[in-house]
Amino acid sequence: MVLIVRRSKHDRGVEEIVNRLKNSSVKYDDVSTHLSYGHRKSGCEGEMDVIAYYKGNVLIFEFKCNDSYNLRAKAFKQLSKAAKHFKEQNVYTFYAYWHKREVVYEKVASRSLENEGL
């Protein structure tokens, strides 16, 4: 008996982002998916869909299956929380979603250590 498992739309979108990062001209130090973050005492605060490291820079991607005002607002809030956990690196956050069978991502914000005077 062969069991065929169909990946969810969300998982296919996350996989598409990972494939784009791995096949890009930039060679990232590490690309990971579904990383939980939070505090030791309070437990899991949230989860980052895709995170990539490149020479002291951190790229965080939050993927949603559809694009709407509410989902966009939720993603921006999640990205802001996740970025706070990287105090020693430059952080770039991206919001990604499906659009006509293609993954589209937009840069949300960036925090550079040089801009903060560190």
N, C-alpha and C. Protein backbone atom coordinates (compact mmCIF):
# COMPACT_ATOMS: atom_id res chain seq x y z
N MET A 1 0.84 -1.18 0.00
CA MET A 1 0.00 0.00 0.00
C MET A 1 0.88 1.24 0.00
N VAL A 2 0.57 2.19 -0.86
CA VAL A 2 1.32 3.43 -0.96
C VAL A 2 0.46 4.56 -0.43
N LEU A 3 1.00 5.31 0.48
CA LEU A 3 0.29 6.44 1.06
C LEU A 3 0.78 7.71 0.39
N ILE A 4 -0.13 8.44 -0.22
CA ILE A 4 0.22 9.69 -0.89
C ILE A 4 -0.29 10.84 -0.03
N VAL A 5 0.62 11.70 0.37
CA VAL A 5 0.26 12.83 1.21
C VAL A 5 0.42 14.11 0.40
N ARG A 6 -0.64 14.88 0.34
CA ARG A 6 -0.60 16.15 -0.38
C ARG A 6 -0.24 17.25 0.62
N ARG A 7 0.79 17.98 0.28
CA ARG A 7 1.21 19.09 1.14
C ARG A 7 0.18 20.21 1.08
N SER A 8 0.06 20.94 2.16
CA SER A 8 -0.90 22.05 2.20
C SER A 8 -0.41 23.20 1.32
N LYS A 9 -1.32 24.09 1.02
CA LYS A 9 -0.99 25.27 0.22
C LYS A 9 0.09 26.11 0.91
N HIS A 10 -0.01 26.20 2.23
CA HIS A 10 0.98 26.96 2.99
C HIS A 10 2.36 26.32 2.88
N ASP A 11 2.43 25.01 3.05
CA ASP A 11 3.72 24.31 2.97
C ASP A 11 4.33 24.40 1.58
N ARG A 12 3.50 24.37 0.53
CA ARG A 12 4.01 24.52 -0.83
C ARG A 12 4.58 25.93 -1.04
N GLY A 13 3.93 26.94 -0.44
CA GLY A 13 4.42 28.31 -0.55
C GLY A 13 5.75 28.50 0.16
N VAL A 14 5.86 27.94 1.35
CA VAL A 14 7.11 28.02 2.12
C VAL A 14 8.22 27.31 1.35
N GLU A 15 7.91 26.15 0.78
CA GLU A 15 8.90 25.41 0.00
C GLU A 15 9.36 26.21 -1.23
N GLU A 16 8.44 26.94 -1.85
CA GLU A 16 8.79 27.77 -3.00
C GLU A 16 9.77 28.88 -2.61
N ILE A 17 9.54 29.50 -1.46
CA ILE A 17 10.46 30.55 -0.98
C ILE A 17 11.84 29.96 -0.72
N VAL A 18 11.88 28.81 -0.06
CA VAL A 18 13.16 28.15 0.25
C VAL A 18 13.90 27.81 -1.04
N ASN A 19 13.19 27.29 -2.03
CA ASN A 19 13.83 26.95 -3.31
C ASN A 19 14.38 28.19 -4.01
N ARG A 20 13.65 29.29 -3.95
CA ARG A 20 14.14 30.54 -4.56
C ARG A 20 15.41 31.02 -3.87
N LEU A 21 15.43 30.93 -2.54
CA LEU A 21 16.61 31.37 -1.80
C LEU A 21 17.81 30.47 -2.10
N LYS A 22 17.59 29.18 -2.15
CA LYS A 22 18.69 28.25 -2.40
C LYS A 22 19.21 28.34 -3.83
N ASN A 23 18.35 28.69 -4.78
CA ASN A 23 18.76 28.79 -6.18
C ASN A 23 19.18 30.19 -6.60
N SER A 24 19.19 31.14 -5.67
CA SER A 24 19.57 32.51 -6.02
C SER A 24 21.10 32.62 -6.16
N SER A 25 21.54 33.73 -6.71
CA SER A 25 22.97 33.94 -6.89
C SER A 25 23.68 34.18 -5.56
N VAL A 26 22.95 34.62 -4.54
CA VAL A 26 23.50 34.82 -3.21
C VAL A 26 23.55 33.47 -2.50
N LYS A 27 24.68 33.13 -1.95
CA LYS A 27 24.82 31.88 -1.22
C LYS A 27 24.60 32.15 0.28
N TYR A 28 23.42 31.80 0.76
CA TYR A 28 23.08 32.04 2.15
C TYR A 28 23.81 31.05 3.06
N ASP A 29 24.17 31.51 4.26
CA ASP A 29 24.86 30.66 5.22
C ASP A 29 23.93 29.54 5.71
N ASP A 30 22.65 29.86 5.90
CA ASP A 30 21.69 28.86 6.36
C ASP A 30 20.29 29.33 5.99
N VAL A 31 19.45 28.39 5.60
CA VAL A 31 18.03 28.66 5.33
C VAL A 31 17.24 27.63 6.11
N SER A 32 16.35 28.10 7.01
CA SER A 32 15.57 27.19 7.85
C SER A 32 14.09 27.53 7.75
N THR A 33 13.26 26.57 8.10
CA THR A 33 11.81 26.78 8.06
C THR A 33 11.18 26.43 9.40
N HIS A 34 10.05 27.07 9.67
CA HIS A 34 9.21 26.79 10.83
C HIS A 34 9.99 26.81 12.15
N LEU A 35 10.65 27.91 12.42
CA LEU A 35 11.41 28.05 13.66
C LEU A 35 10.56 28.76 14.71
N SER A 36 10.43 28.14 15.86
CA SER A 36 9.67 28.74 16.96
C SER A 36 10.58 29.69 17.74
N TYR A 37 9.98 30.72 18.29
CA TYR A 37 10.75 31.65 19.14
C TYR A 37 9.90 32.02 20.33
N GLY A 38 10.56 32.49 21.36
CA GLY A 38 9.86 32.90 22.57
C GLY A 38 10.82 32.97 23.73
N HIS A 39 10.27 33.01 24.91
CA HIS A 39 11.05 33.09 26.13
C HIS A 39 11.00 31.75 26.85
N ARG A 40 12.02 31.48 27.65
CA ARG A 40 12.08 30.21 28.37
C ARG A 40 10.90 30.04 29.31
N LYS A 41 10.53 31.12 30.00
CA LYS A 41 9.47 31.03 31.00
C LYS A 41 8.08 31.00 30.37
N SER A 42 7.84 31.84 29.37
CA SER A 42 6.48 31.94 28.82
C SER A 42 6.21 30.95 27.70
N GLY A 43 7.24 30.27 27.23
CA GLY A 43 7.05 29.26 26.18
C GLY A 43 7.08 29.87 24.79
N CYS A 44 6.46 29.18 23.85
CA CYS A 44 6.49 29.58 22.44
C CYS A 44 5.67 30.85 22.23
N GLU A 45 6.29 31.85 21.66
CA GLU A 45 5.62 33.12 21.38
C GLU A 45 5.11 33.17 19.94
N GLY A 46 5.81 32.50 19.03
CA GLY A 46 5.42 32.50 17.63
C GLY A 46 6.33 31.61 16.82
N GLU A 47 6.09 31.64 15.50
CA GLU A 47 6.87 30.80 14.60
C GLU A 47 7.19 31.59 13.33
N MET A 48 8.44 31.51 12.89
CA MET A 48 8.86 32.14 11.64
C MET A 48 8.76 31.09 10.55
N ASP A 49 8.15 31.44 9.42
CA ASP A 49 7.99 30.46 8.34
C ASP A 49 9.33 30.15 7.69
N VAL A 50 10.07 31.19 7.28
CA VAL A 50 11.38 30.99 6.65
C VAL A 50 12.34 32.02 7.22
N ILE A 51 13.55 31.57 7.54
CA ILE A 51 14.58 32.49 8.01
C ILE A 51 15.88 32.13 7.29
N ALA A 52 16.56 33.15 6.79
CA ALA A 52 17.82 32.95 6.07
C ALA A 52 18.89 33.85 6.68
N TYR A 53 20.10 33.33 6.78
CA TYR A 53 21.23 34.08 7.32
C TYR A 53 22.25 34.31 6.21
N TYR A 54 22.78 35.54 6.18
CA TYR A 54 23.80 35.86 5.18
C TYR A 54 24.72 36.94 5.73
N LYS A 55 25.93 36.58 6.09
CA LYS A 55 26.97 37.52 6.55
C LYS A 55 26.46 38.53 7.57
N GLY A 56 25.90 38.07 8.65
CA GLY A 56 25.42 38.95 9.71
C GLY A 56 24.06 39.56 9.46
N ASN A 57 23.44 39.22 8.34
CA ASN A 57 22.09 39.69 8.04
C ASN A 57 21.11 38.56 8.25
N VAL A 58 19.91 38.91 8.68
CA VAL A 58 18.85 37.94 8.89
C VAL A 58 17.67 38.34 8.02
N LEU A 59 17.17 37.41 7.21
CA LEU A 59 15.98 37.63 6.40
C LEU A 59 14.87 36.76 6.96
N ILE A 60 13.75 37.37 7.32
CA ILE A 60 12.62 36.65 7.90
C ILE A 60 11.44 36.77 6.94
N PHE A 61 10.85 35.63 6.58
CA PHE A 61 9.70 35.60 5.69
C PHE A 61 8.48 35.06 6.44
N GLU A 62 7.37 35.76 6.31
CA GLU A 62 6.09 35.28 6.84
C GLU A 62 5.19 35.03 5.64
N PHE A 63 4.69 33.80 5.51
CA PHE A 63 3.89 33.42 4.34
C PHE A 63 2.43 33.25 4.73
N LYS A 64 1.54 33.83 3.94
CA LYS A 64 0.10 33.65 4.07
C LYS A 64 -0.45 33.12 2.75
N CYS A 65 -1.46 32.27 2.83
CA CYS A 65 -2.00 31.66 1.61
C CYS A 65 -2.75 32.66 0.74
N ASN A 66 -3.38 33.63 1.35
CA ASN A 66 -4.13 34.65 0.62
C ASN A 66 -3.66 36.02 1.06
N ASP A 67 -3.92 37.02 0.23
CA ASP A 67 -3.56 38.39 0.57
C ASP A 67 -4.83 39.17 0.89
N SER A 68 -4.93 39.65 2.10
CA SER A 68 -6.05 40.50 2.51
C SER A 68 -5.52 41.49 3.53
N TYR A 69 -6.31 42.50 3.80
CA TYR A 69 -5.88 43.52 4.76
C TYR A 69 -5.61 42.90 6.12
N ASN A 70 -6.52 42.03 6.59
CA ASN A 70 -6.36 41.43 7.92
C ASN A 70 -5.16 40.50 7.99
N LEU A 71 -4.96 39.69 6.96
CA LEU A 71 -3.81 38.78 6.96
C LEU A 71 -2.50 39.56 6.87
N ARG A 72 -2.50 40.62 6.09
CA ARG A 72 -1.31 41.46 5.97
C ARG A 72 -0.98 42.10 7.31
N ALA A 73 -1.98 42.63 8.00
CA ALA A 73 -1.77 43.25 9.31
C ALA A 73 -1.23 42.23 10.31
N LYS A 74 -1.79 41.02 10.28
CA LYS A 74 -1.33 39.96 11.18
C LYS A 74 0.12 39.59 10.89
N ALA A 75 0.46 39.46 9.61
CA ALA A 75 1.83 39.11 9.22
C ALA A 75 2.82 40.19 9.65
N PHE A 76 2.46 41.47 9.47
CA PHE A 76 3.35 42.56 9.86
C PHE A 76 3.59 42.52 11.36
N LYS A 77 2.56 42.22 12.14
CA LYS A 77 2.71 42.14 13.59
C LYS A 77 3.63 40.97 13.96
N GLN A 78 3.43 39.81 13.30
CA GLN A 78 4.28 38.65 13.57
C GLN A 78 5.73 38.93 13.21
N LEU A 79 5.96 39.61 12.08
CA LEU A 79 7.32 39.93 11.66
C LEU A 79 7.99 40.89 12.63
N SER A 80 7.23 41.85 13.13
CA SER A 80 7.78 42.81 14.09
C SER A 80 8.21 42.09 15.37
N LYS A 81 7.38 41.17 15.86
CA LYS A 81 7.74 40.41 17.07
C LYS A 81 8.97 39.55 16.84
N ALA A 82 9.03 38.89 15.68
CA ALA A 82 10.15 38.01 15.38
C ALA A 82 11.46 38.80 15.27
N ALA A 83 11.41 39.97 14.67
CA ALA A 83 12.62 40.78 14.46
C ALA A 83 13.24 41.22 15.77
N LYS A 84 12.45 41.36 16.81
CA LYS A 84 12.96 41.80 18.11
C LYS A 84 13.91 40.80 18.74
N HIS A 85 13.89 39.56 18.28
CA HIS A 85 14.74 38.53 18.85
C HIS A 85 16.15 38.51 18.25
N PHE A 86 16.42 39.39 17.31
CA PHE A 86 17.74 39.47 16.68
C PHE A 86 18.32 40.85 16.93
N LYS A 87 18.92 41.01 18.09
CA LYS A 87 19.43 42.32 18.50
C LYS A 87 20.80 42.64 17.91
N GLU A 88 21.57 41.63 17.57
CA GLU A 88 22.95 41.82 17.13
C GLU A 88 23.13 41.75 15.62
N GLN A 89 22.05 41.66 14.85
CA GLN A 89 22.17 41.51 13.41
C GLN A 89 21.27 42.50 12.67
N ASN A 90 21.60 42.73 11.42
CA ASN A 90 20.70 43.49 10.55
C ASN A 90 19.53 42.58 10.20
N VAL A 91 18.32 43.09 10.30
CA VAL A 91 17.13 42.27 10.07
C VAL A 91 16.32 42.85 8.92
N TYR A 92 15.93 41.97 7.99
CA TYR A 92 15.08 42.34 6.86
C TYR A 92 13.87 41.42 6.90
N THR A 93 12.66 42.00 6.90
CA THR A 93 11.45 41.19 6.99
C THR A 93 10.67 41.27 5.69
N PHE A 94 10.07 40.14 5.32
CA PHE A 94 9.32 40.04 4.07
C PHE A 94 7.98 39.36 4.31
N TYR A 95 6.95 39.88 3.64
CA TYR A 95 5.62 39.31 3.66
C TYR A 95 5.40 38.61 2.33
N ALA A 96 5.00 37.35 2.35
CA ALA A 96 4.83 36.58 1.11
C ALA A 96 3.42 35.99 1.05
N TYR A 97 2.90 35.83 -0.18
CA TYR A 97 1.56 35.27 -0.36
C TYR A 97 1.43 34.72 -1.78
N TRP A 98 0.39 33.92 -1.99
CA TRP A 98 0.11 33.38 -3.32
C TRP A 98 -0.60 34.44 -4.14
N HIS A 99 -0.20 34.58 -5.41
CA HIS A 99 -0.89 35.46 -6.36
C HIS A 99 -0.84 34.79 -7.73
N LYS A 100 -1.98 34.34 -8.21
CA LYS A 100 -2.07 33.68 -9.52
C LYS A 100 -1.06 32.55 -9.67
N ARG A 101 -1.09 31.61 -8.73
CA ARG A 101 -0.22 30.42 -8.73
C ARG A 101 1.27 30.73 -8.64
N GLU A 102 1.58 31.87 -8.09
CA GLU A 102 2.98 32.28 -7.94
C GLU A 102 3.15 32.92 -6.58
N VAL A 103 4.28 32.67 -5.95
CA VAL A 103 4.57 33.28 -4.66
C VAL A 103 5.17 34.66 -4.90
N VAL A 104 4.55 35.65 -4.27
CA VAL A 104 5.02 37.03 -4.36
C VAL A 104 5.46 37.44 -2.97
N TYR A 105 6.59 38.13 -2.87
CA TYR A 105 6.95 38.64 -1.55
C TYR A 105 7.38 40.10 -1.65
N GLU A 106 7.05 40.82 -0.56
CA GLU A 106 7.32 42.25 -0.47
C GLU A 106 8.15 42.51 0.77
N LYS A 107 9.09 43.43 0.65
CA LYS A 107 9.89 43.81 1.80
C LYS A 107 9.03 44.68 2.72
N VAL A 108 8.97 44.30 3.97
CA VAL A 108 8.16 45.03 4.94
C VAL A 108 8.98 46.10 5.63
N ALA A 109 10.10 45.69 6.20
CA ALA A 109 10.92 46.64 6.95
C ALA A 109 12.34 46.10 7.06
N SER A 110 13.23 46.99 7.44
CA SER A 110 14.60 46.55 7.72
C SER A 110 15.12 47.35 8.90
N ARG A 111 15.97 46.69 9.66
CA ARG A 111 16.62 47.35 10.79
C ARG A 111 18.10 47.10 10.67
N SER A 112 18.83 48.16 10.39
CA SER A 112 20.27 48.04 10.23
C SER A 112 20.97 48.56 11.47
N LEU A 113 22.01 47.87 11.88
CA LEU A 113 22.76 48.31 13.06
C LEU A 113 23.43 49.66 12.81
N GLU A 114 23.82 49.92 11.57
CA GLU A 114 24.45 51.20 11.25
C GLU A 114 23.46 52.36 11.44
N ASN A 115 22.18 52.12 11.12
CA ASN A 115 21.17 53.15 11.26
C ASN A 115 20.86 53.47 12.71
N GLU A 116 21.09 52.51 13.59
CA GLU A 116 20.80 52.72 15.01
C GLU A 116 22.01 53.29 15.77
N GLY A 117 23.10 53.49 15.09
CA GLY A 117 24.27 54.07 15.72
C GLY A 117 25.06 53.09 16.56
N LEU A 118 24.91 51.80 16.32
CA LEU A 118 25.64 50.79 17.10
C LEU A 118 26.96 50.46 16.47
